[in-house]
Amino acid sequence: MALLKIALEKKQAPLEWARREIGDLISTLTGVAEHLDHIAARDYGFNVYENLQYSNPNYVFNDKDWRRFEGMAQLCQRNGLAFMPCQLVGHNVAIDDALLEKQAAQVKDYAEHLNRYPGLLYYLNGDFRWEIDDKEAVSELWNRWLAETYGTEAAWRQSWGDEVYGEWGKLQYPPPGESAWDSTLQCDRARFGIWVTLRWVNRHVAAVKTADKDHAITSEYYLSLIHISEPTRPY
């Protein structure tokens, strides 16, 4: 409780005080600043330590990376905290299959390296993004979802009525519309957004479970970030 006592005497938040007054002075000593953070966090009542992780090109870590990550996991265990590595923070969920598989391989690597630590919580993504960085990929997913949902062009046309556009199987993904509240197209667009997000989450959950079926997995999603970048209306 020493750090908590000092911080309270200075009328400062313990975590803020520990980092500013001590951590900065010894930041060159690997792990010491983090150790002090952990002590302050524990004294302040926290029992989980979230760490925002980085990703390398092609989502492949080297031995040095894993030593860093496992060192943090070990430090958390020593200080009585559960390690919560955010593996793909801020990543876009509207991606093609190839990129999704690269990410899933990294997520599996996390589980293979960290599953032996008892205090562990896999944190897939803390700031989901739903952006159309790759219009072709999103349109391909859109057509895939429509085919799975309706099965046939006739069923799709019957459901959408006068909202039908483009050629079945080759539709561009549509931007938000100003249609009536009961627009089937816009309802399907919202359902598709959920499907894309669940596709991303479920793939990574499955990747973790191939190497670790015991530890919990979590993520969070800010709905205000849905579709924050859109193409121009294609029809």
Protein backbone atom coordinates (compact mmCIF):
# COMPACT_ATOMS: atom_id res chain seq x y z
CA MET A 1 0.00 0.00 0.00
CA ALA A 2 3.05 2.26 0.03
CA LEU A 3 2.44 3.83 -3.38
CA LEU A 4 -1.23 4.39 -2.60
CA LYS A 5 -0.34 6.18 0.64
CA ILE A 6 2.20 8.46 -1.04
CA ALA A 7 -0.14 9.26 -3.92
CA LEU A 8 -3.03 10.09 -1.62
CA GLU A 9 -0.82 12.35 0.46
CA LYS A 10 0.01 14.23 -2.73
CA LYS A 11 -3.70 14.23 -3.66
CA GLN A 12 -2.91 12.49 -6.92
CA ALA A 13 -4.30 9.35 -8.57
CA PRO A 14 -1.91 6.47 -7.73
CA LEU A 15 -1.54 5.27 -11.31
CA GLU A 16 -0.84 8.78 -12.57
CA TRP A 17 1.61 9.48 -9.74
CA ALA A 18 3.51 6.22 -10.13
CA ARG A 19 4.07 6.76 -13.83
CA ARG A 20 4.98 10.45 -13.65
CA GLU A 21 7.03 10.60 -10.46
CA ILE A 22 8.83 7.27 -10.64
CA GLY A 23 8.19 5.52 -13.94
CA ASP A 24 9.67 8.26 -16.09
CA LEU A 25 12.88 8.31 -14.06
CA ILE A 26 13.60 4.61 -14.60
CA SER A 27 11.86 3.95 -17.88
CA THR A 28 15.15 2.77 -19.34
CA LEU A 29 15.11 -0.18 -16.94
CA THR A 30 13.10 -2.84 -18.75
CA GLY A 31 9.98 -3.82 -16.84
CA VAL A 32 10.52 -1.56 -13.83
CA ALA A 33 8.04 1.13 -14.84
CA GLU A 34 5.46 -1.53 -15.67
CA HIS A 35 6.13 -3.22 -12.34
CA LEU A 36 5.36 0.04 -10.54
CA ASP A 37 2.22 0.47 -12.62
CA HIS A 38 1.12 -3.00 -11.56
CA ILE A 39 1.72 -2.31 -7.88
CA ALA A 40 -0.22 0.96 -8.08
CA ALA A 41 -3.03 -0.73 -10.01
CA ARG A 42 -3.29 -3.50 -7.44
CA ASP A 43 -3.23 -1.03 -4.53
CA TYR A 44 -5.95 0.95 -6.24
CA GLY A 45 -8.20 -2.12 -6.50
CA PHE A 46 -7.63 -3.26 -10.07
CA ASN A 47 -7.20 -6.97 -10.80
CA VAL A 48 -6.82 -6.92 -14.60
CA TYR A 49 -4.02 -5.23 -16.54
CA GLU A 50 -4.97 -4.32 -20.11
CA ASN A 51 -2.07 -3.88 -22.51
CA LEU A 52 -2.59 -2.57 -26.06
CA GLN A 53 -0.44 -4.76 -28.29
CA TYR A 54 1.15 -3.91 -31.63
CA SER A 55 1.17 -6.00 -34.80
CA ASN A 56 4.04 -6.50 -37.23
CA PRO A 57 3.74 -6.55 -41.05
CA ASN A 58 1.96 -9.71 -42.17
CA TYR A 59 0.97 -10.34 -38.53
CA VAL A 60 4.10 -12.35 -37.71
CA PHE A 61 5.97 -11.84 -34.41
CA ASN A 62 9.62 -12.70 -33.83
CA ASP A 63 11.29 -14.14 -30.73
CA LYS A 64 12.01 -10.68 -29.34
CA ASP A 65 8.33 -9.76 -29.55
CA TRP A 66 7.28 -12.91 -27.72
CA ARG A 67 9.86 -12.33 -24.98
CA ARG A 68 8.33 -8.90 -24.42
CA PHE A 69 4.79 -10.24 -24.31
CA GLU A 70 5.60 -13.18 -22.07
CA GLY A 71 7.63 -10.91 -19.83
CA MET A 72 4.54 -8.75 -19.33
CA ALA A 73 2.43 -11.85 -18.68
CA GLN A 74 4.94 -13.06 -16.07
CA LEU A 75 5.09 -9.64 -14.43
CA CYS A 76 1.31 -9.57 -14.17
CA GLN A 77 1.27 -13.00 -12.55
CA ARG A 78 3.93 -11.93 -10.05
CA ASN A 79 1.93 -8.84 -9.09
CA GLY A 80 -1.40 -10.62 -8.74
CA LEU A 81 -2.98 -9.24 -11.90
CA ALA A 82 -4.61 -10.98 -14.85
CA PHE A 83 -2.87 -10.12 -18.13
CA MET A 84 -5.32 -8.81 -20.74
CA PRO A 85 -3.47 -8.33 -24.06
CA CYS A 86 -5.50 -6.45 -26.68
CA GLN A 87 -4.30 -8.31 -29.74
CA LEU A 88 -5.82 -6.39 -32.66
CA VAL A 89 -6.71 -3.00 -31.21
CA GLY A 90 -8.34 -0.60 -33.65
CA HIS A 91 -8.49 -3.10 -36.49
CA ASN A 92 -11.07 -3.00 -39.24
CA VAL A 93 -13.49 -5.94 -39.30
CA ALA A 94 -14.62 -5.38 -42.91
CA ILE A 95 -11.72 -7.24 -44.53
CA ASP A 96 -11.20 -9.99 -47.09
CA ASP A 97 -10.66 -13.66 -46.28
CA ALA A 98 -6.88 -13.59 -46.84
CA LEU A 99 -6.29 -10.77 -44.33
CA LEU A 100 -8.67 -12.37 -41.85
CA GLU A 101 -6.64 -15.58 -41.96
CA LYS A 102 -3.36 -13.70 -41.37
CA GLN A 103 -4.87 -12.09 -38.30
CA ALA A 104 -6.28 -15.41 -37.10
CA ALA A 105 -2.81 -16.98 -37.34
CA GLN A 106 -1.46 -14.24 -35.06
CA VAL A 107 -4.32 -14.72 -32.60
CA LYS A 108 -3.58 -18.46 -32.50
CA ASP A 109 0.09 -17.70 -31.86
CA TYR A 110 -0.93 -15.67 -28.81
CA ALA A 111 -2.82 -18.64 -27.42
CA GLU A 112 0.06 -21.03 -28.09
CA HIS A 113 2.54 -18.77 -26.28
CA LEU A 114 0.39 -17.54 -23.39
CA ASN A 115 -1.95 -20.40 -22.52
CA ARG A 116 0.28 -21.59 -19.67
CA TYR A 117 -0.32 -18.43 -17.62
CA PRO A 118 -3.26 -18.79 -15.22
CA GLY A 119 -4.11 -15.07 -15.01
CA LEU A 120 -5.01 -14.40 -18.62
CA LEU A 121 -7.88 -12.82 -20.54
CA TYR A 122 -7.71 -12.73 -24.34
CA TYR A 123 -8.85 -9.33 -25.61
CA LEU A 124 -9.43 -9.47 -29.35
CA ASN A 125 -10.17 -5.84 -30.15
CA GLY A 126 -10.96 -2.83 -27.99
CA ASP A 127 -11.82 -0.38 -30.75
CA PHE A 128 -13.50 -2.16 -33.64
CA ARG A 129 -13.60 -0.28 -36.92
CA TRP A 130 -16.11 -0.91 -39.68
CA GLU A 131 -14.65 0.94 -42.64
CA ILE A 132 -14.66 0.37 -46.36
CA ASP A 133 -10.94 0.45 -46.96
CA ASP A 134 -11.32 -2.22 -49.65
CA LYS A 135 -14.53 -1.65 -51.65
CA GLU A 136 -14.05 -4.79 -53.70
CA ALA A 137 -13.67 -6.98 -50.62
CA VAL A 138 -16.73 -5.50 -48.90
CA SER A 139 -18.81 -5.87 -52.07
CA GLU A 140 -17.72 -9.51 -52.33
CA LEU A 141 -18.85 -10.11 -48.75
CA TRP A 142 -22.11 -8.27 -49.46
CA ASN A 143 -22.89 -10.58 -52.38
CA ARG A 144 -21.90 -13.62 -50.31
CA TRP A 145 -24.26 -12.59 -47.51
CA LEU A 146 -27.13 -11.92 -49.90
CA ALA A 147 -26.67 -15.34 -51.49
CA GLU A 148 -26.66 -17.03 -48.09
CA THR A 149 -29.66 -15.01 -46.92
CA TYR A 150 -31.93 -15.27 -49.97
CA GLY A 151 -30.61 -18.30 -51.81
CA THR A 152 -31.96 -17.23 -55.21
CA GLU A 153 -32.22 -14.07 -57.24
CA ALA A 154 -35.98 -14.47 -57.41
CA ALA A 155 -36.30 -14.49 -53.62
CA TRP A 156 -34.07 -11.43 -53.36
CA ARG A 157 -36.07 -9.52 -55.96
CA GLN A 158 -39.34 -10.40 -54.28
CA SER A 159 -38.05 -9.14 -50.92
CA TRP A 160 -36.50 -5.91 -52.17
CA GLY A 161 -39.15 -4.98 -54.72
CA ASP A 162 -38.46 -1.58 -56.26
CA GLU A 163 -35.27 -1.22 -54.22
CA VAL A 164 -33.50 -3.78 -56.42
CA TYR A 165 -30.38 -2.41 -58.12
CA GLY A 166 -27.52 -3.82 -60.16
CA GLU A 167 -26.88 -7.41 -61.21
CA TRP A 168 -27.47 -10.29 -58.83
CA GLY A 169 -24.14 -11.63 -57.57
CA LYS A 170 -22.22 -8.55 -58.71
CA LEU A 171 -23.71 -5.80 -56.56
CA GLN A 172 -21.65 -2.96 -55.18
CA TYR A 173 -22.06 -2.43 -51.46
CA PRO A 174 -24.55 0.45 -50.98
CA PRO A 175 -24.03 3.52 -48.78
CA PRO A 176 -26.57 4.56 -46.12
CA GLY A 177 -29.80 5.68 -47.72
CA GLU A 178 -32.55 8.07 -46.77
CA SER A 179 -35.20 5.46 -47.36
CA ALA A 180 -38.30 4.89 -45.28
CA TRP A 181 -37.83 3.23 -41.92
CA ASP A 182 -39.13 -0.05 -43.33
CA SER A 183 -36.65 -0.16 -46.26
CA THR A 184 -35.69 -3.79 -46.80
CA LEU A 185 -32.41 -2.77 -48.42
CA GLN A 186 -31.33 -0.66 -45.47
CA CYS A 187 -32.45 -3.32 -42.97
CA ASP A 188 -30.38 -5.86 -44.87
CA ARG A 189 -27.46 -3.45 -44.85
CA ALA A 190 -27.64 -3.29 -41.06
CA ARG A 191 -27.94 -7.08 -40.78
CA PHE A 192 -24.94 -7.43 -43.06
CA GLY A 193 -22.89 -5.15 -40.80
CA ILE A 194 -23.64 -7.42 -37.86
CA TRP A 195 -22.77 -10.51 -39.92
CA VAL A 196 -19.40 -9.05 -40.96
CA THR A 197 -18.57 -8.16 -37.36
CA LEU A 198 -19.53 -11.61 -36.05
CA ARG A 199 -17.56 -13.22 -38.88
CA TRP A 200 -14.44 -11.40 -37.66
CA VAL A 201 -15.02 -12.14 -33.98
CA ASN A 202 -16.00 -15.78 -34.45
CA ARG A 203 -12.97 -16.51 -36.62
CA HIS A 204 -10.60 -15.20 -33.97
CA VAL A 205 -12.41 -16.91 -31.11
CA ALA A 206 -12.05 -20.17 -33.04
CA ALA A 207 -8.34 -19.44 -33.56
CA VAL A 208 -7.78 -18.99 -29.82
CA LYS A 209 -9.68 -22.16 -28.98
CA THR A 210 -7.48 -24.30 -31.23
CA ALA A 211 -4.68 -23.74 -28.69
CA ASP A 212 -6.50 -22.73 -25.50
CA LYS A 213 -9.97 -23.87 -24.52
CA ASP A 214 -9.72 -22.72 -20.91
CA HIS A 215 -9.19 -18.97 -20.76
CA ALA A 216 -11.91 -16.39 -21.37
CA ILE A 217 -12.08 -14.26 -24.53
CA THR A 218 -13.60 -10.80 -24.82
CA SER A 219 -13.86 -7.75 -27.08
CA GLU A 220 -15.88 -4.57 -27.26
CA TYR A 221 -17.57 -2.66 -30.04
CA TYR A 222 -18.54 1.00 -30.24
CA LEU A 223 -21.66 1.26 -32.36
CA SER A 224 -20.95 4.91 -33.16
CA LEU A 225 -18.02 3.76 -35.30
CA ILE A 226 -20.15 1.69 -37.70
CA HIS A 227 -19.76 2.74 -41.32
CA ILE A 228 -17.82 5.93 -40.62
CA SER A 229 -16.44 5.96 -44.17
CA GLU A 230 -18.70 5.30 -47.12
CA PRO A 231 -18.42 5.19 -50.91
CA THR A 232 -20.60 7.36 -53.10
CA ARG A 233 -23.96 5.94 -54.04
CA PRO A 234 -23.35 3.43 -56.88
CA TYR A 235 -26.80 3.55 -58.44
